[in-house]
Amino acid sequence: MFRPRSLILKPTKMKNIELAIEKSMLPIEVSTAKEMVARYQATRKTLIDETHGINDTRSIWFDIEGLKNFINNLPENASGVRVHLAAYDQGNKHAPNQTTVIFTGTIEKGYGHVDVLDKDDSLWTIEDDVMGPFNAGRTCPPLCG
């Protein structure tokens, strides 16, 4: 049985990175990342596999040009990117019933960062389609490597 050590974020050797609690992209040690992945696989992935009778997604690969294109085409008023966890349906020809992710750009409203999948559709116009939702990464399994 997997028994993770306490999650301790140690200072990294990365240079020129502002570390602040408000930031959403903080570097972590490789050992910490490996523990977090192992914890996911031993808990959440195991439950999904057993409940749905599948070998569910462990990771999702996106090509760098696609990610750059998404980020670089967000409008000036974009406040960030939200990654939604999702699942393909049984009819998906590449990854039936597999976990996937959906990227959406966010905008800041008085009550927080919202995206196109939030309940208030009146926030979005047709010009906001560059904000997502976007999908189509390569799920592993079945497409590993």
Protein backbone atom coordinates (compact mmCIF):
# COMPACT_ATOMS: atom_id res chain seq x y z
CA MET A 1 0.00 0.00 0.00
CA PHE A 2 1.25 3.46 -0.89
CA ARG A 3 2.11 5.58 2.15
CA PRO A 4 3.25 9.04 1.15
CA ARG A 5 5.69 11.03 3.18
CA SER A 6 4.54 14.42 4.38
CA LEU A 7 4.26 16.89 1.56
CA ILE A 8 7.12 19.30 2.16
CA LEU A 9 7.85 21.98 -0.39
CA LYS A 10 11.57 22.64 -0.30
CA PRO A 11 13.40 25.54 -1.87
CA THR A 12 14.33 24.66 -5.45
CA LYS A 13 17.48 25.30 -7.42
CA MET A 14 15.53 27.16 -10.10
CA LYS A 15 16.71 30.73 -10.60
CA ASN A 16 14.71 33.87 -11.30
CA ILE A 17 11.37 32.49 -10.16
CA GLU A 18 9.31 34.65 -7.84
CA LEU A 19 7.85 32.38 -5.18
CA ALA A 20 4.68 33.73 -3.67
CA ILE A 21 1.63 32.01 -2.26
CA GLU A 22 -0.61 33.98 -4.66
CA LYS A 23 1.14 32.51 -7.69
CA SER A 24 -0.35 29.42 -9.27
CA MET A 25 2.80 28.00 -10.88
CA LEU A 26 5.26 27.13 -8.15
CA PRO A 27 8.21 24.85 -8.81
CA ILE A 28 8.36 21.72 -6.64
CA GLU A 29 11.01 19.07 -6.13
CA VAL A 30 10.94 16.11 -8.52
CA SER A 31 10.63 13.77 -5.54
CA THR A 32 7.54 15.65 -4.37
CA ALA A 33 6.00 15.44 -7.84
CA LYS A 34 6.68 11.70 -7.98
CA GLU A 35 5.01 11.24 -4.58
CA MET A 36 1.97 13.22 -5.69
CA VAL A 37 1.63 11.18 -8.91
CA ALA A 38 2.03 7.92 -6.97
CA ARG A 39 -0.60 9.07 -4.46
CA TYR A 40 -3.04 9.84 -7.28
CA GLN A 41 -2.45 6.47 -8.91
CA ALA A 42 -2.82 4.60 -5.60
CA THR A 43 -6.02 6.39 -4.64
CA ARG A 44 -8.06 8.15 -7.32
CA LYS A 45 -6.91 6.18 -10.38
CA THR A 46 -7.40 2.87 -8.57
CA LEU A 47 -10.96 3.83 -7.66
CA ILE A 48 -11.77 4.89 -11.21
CA ASP A 49 -10.22 1.72 -12.66
CA GLU A 50 -12.15 -0.55 -10.30
CA THR A 51 -15.45 1.34 -10.48
CA HIS A 52 -15.53 1.66 -14.28
CA GLY A 53 -13.58 -1.45 -15.27
CA ILE A 54 -10.97 0.48 -17.26
CA ASN A 55 -7.28 1.34 -17.14
CA ASP A 56 -7.82 5.08 -16.74
CA THR A 57 -5.61 7.94 -17.81
CA ARG A 58 -2.34 8.48 -15.92
CA SER A 59 -1.20 11.49 -17.89
CA ILE A 60 -2.11 13.67 -20.86
CA TRP A 61 0.43 15.01 -23.35
CA PHE A 62 0.01 18.29 -25.24
CA ASP A 63 2.42 19.54 -27.88
CA ILE A 64 4.22 22.74 -26.96
CA GLU A 65 3.08 24.63 -30.08
CA GLY A 66 -0.57 23.97 -29.27
CA LEU A 67 -0.09 25.23 -25.71
CA LYS A 68 1.80 28.32 -26.87
CA ASN A 69 -0.90 29.02 -29.46
CA PHE A 70 -3.61 28.78 -26.81
CA ILE A 71 -1.77 31.05 -24.35
CA ASN A 72 -0.63 33.57 -26.97
CA ASN A 73 -4.14 33.94 -28.40
CA LEU A 74 -5.85 34.71 -25.11
CA PRO A 75 -7.18 38.27 -25.08
CA GLU A 76 -5.66 41.00 -22.94
CA ASN A 77 -8.45 40.68 -20.39
CA ALA A 78 -7.65 37.01 -19.72
CA SER A 79 -6.63 36.50 -16.10
CA GLY A 80 -5.40 32.92 -16.37
CA VAL A 81 -6.11 29.37 -17.50
CA ARG A 82 -8.35 26.83 -15.79
CA VAL A 83 -7.88 23.11 -16.35
CA HIS A 84 -11.13 21.17 -15.90
CA LEU A 85 -11.02 17.43 -15.28
CA ALA A 86 -13.42 15.64 -17.62
CA ALA A 87 -14.20 12.22 -19.11
CA TYR A 88 -14.72 11.08 -22.68
CA ASP A 89 -17.86 9.09 -23.41
CA GLN A 90 -17.98 5.42 -24.41
CA GLY A 91 -18.14 6.38 -28.09
CA ASN A 92 -14.77 8.14 -28.18
CA LYS A 93 -12.67 6.17 -30.69
CA HIS A 94 -9.27 6.87 -29.09
CA ALA A 95 -9.96 6.93 -25.36
CA PRO A 96 -13.44 5.65 -24.45
CA ASN A 97 -14.43 6.52 -20.86
CA GLN A 98 -10.94 7.89 -20.17
CA THR A 99 -10.22 10.92 -17.99
CA THR A 100 -9.13 13.99 -19.94
CA VAL A 101 -8.73 17.72 -19.33
CA ILE A 102 -10.34 20.78 -20.85
CA PHE A 103 -8.49 24.11 -20.97
CA THR A 104 -10.36 27.40 -20.68
CA GLY A 105 -9.13 30.93 -20.39
CA THR A 106 -10.46 32.88 -17.43
CA ILE A 107 -11.43 36.48 -16.83
CA GLU A 108 -11.47 38.16 -13.47
CA LYS A 109 -14.81 39.24 -12.07
CA GLY A 110 -15.43 40.82 -8.68
CA TYR A 111 -16.05 37.40 -7.18
CA GLY A 112 -13.08 35.57 -8.74
CA HIS A 113 -11.83 34.07 -11.99
CA VAL A 114 -14.56 32.71 -14.25
CA ASP A 115 -14.54 30.78 -17.53
CA VAL A 116 -16.93 29.82 -20.30
CA LEU A 117 -18.04 26.71 -18.40
CA ASP A 118 -19.26 28.73 -15.44
CA LYS A 119 -23.02 29.14 -15.10
CA ASP A 120 -23.35 32.75 -16.23
CA ASP A 121 -23.24 32.53 -20.03
CA SER A 122 -23.97 36.26 -20.29
CA LEU A 123 -20.30 36.94 -19.46
CA TRP A 124 -19.16 35.60 -22.83
CA THR A 125 -19.41 36.90 -26.38
CA ILE A 126 -18.60 35.20 -29.67
CA GLU A 127 -15.21 36.97 -29.66
CA ASP A 128 -14.35 35.08 -26.50
CA ASP A 129 -14.10 31.74 -28.35
CA VAL A 130 -10.30 31.98 -28.11
CA MET A 131 -10.83 31.41 -24.37
CA GLY A 132 -11.90 27.81 -24.95
CA PRO A 133 -12.95 25.25 -24.14
CA PHE A 134 -10.11 23.27 -25.76
CA ASN A 135 -9.27 19.57 -25.59
CA ALA A 136 -7.45 16.88 -27.61
CA GLY A 137 -4.36 15.95 -25.65
CA ARG A 138 -2.96 12.46 -25.98
CA THR A 139 -4.21 10.38 -23.03
CA CYS A 140 -1.94 7.73 -21.52
CA PRO A 141 -3.18 5.05 -21.57
CA PRO A 142 -4.02 4.21 -24.28
CA LEU A 143 -1.64 6.46 -26.27
CA CYS A 144 1.56 6.42 -24.19
CA GLY A 145 4.98 7.48 -25.39
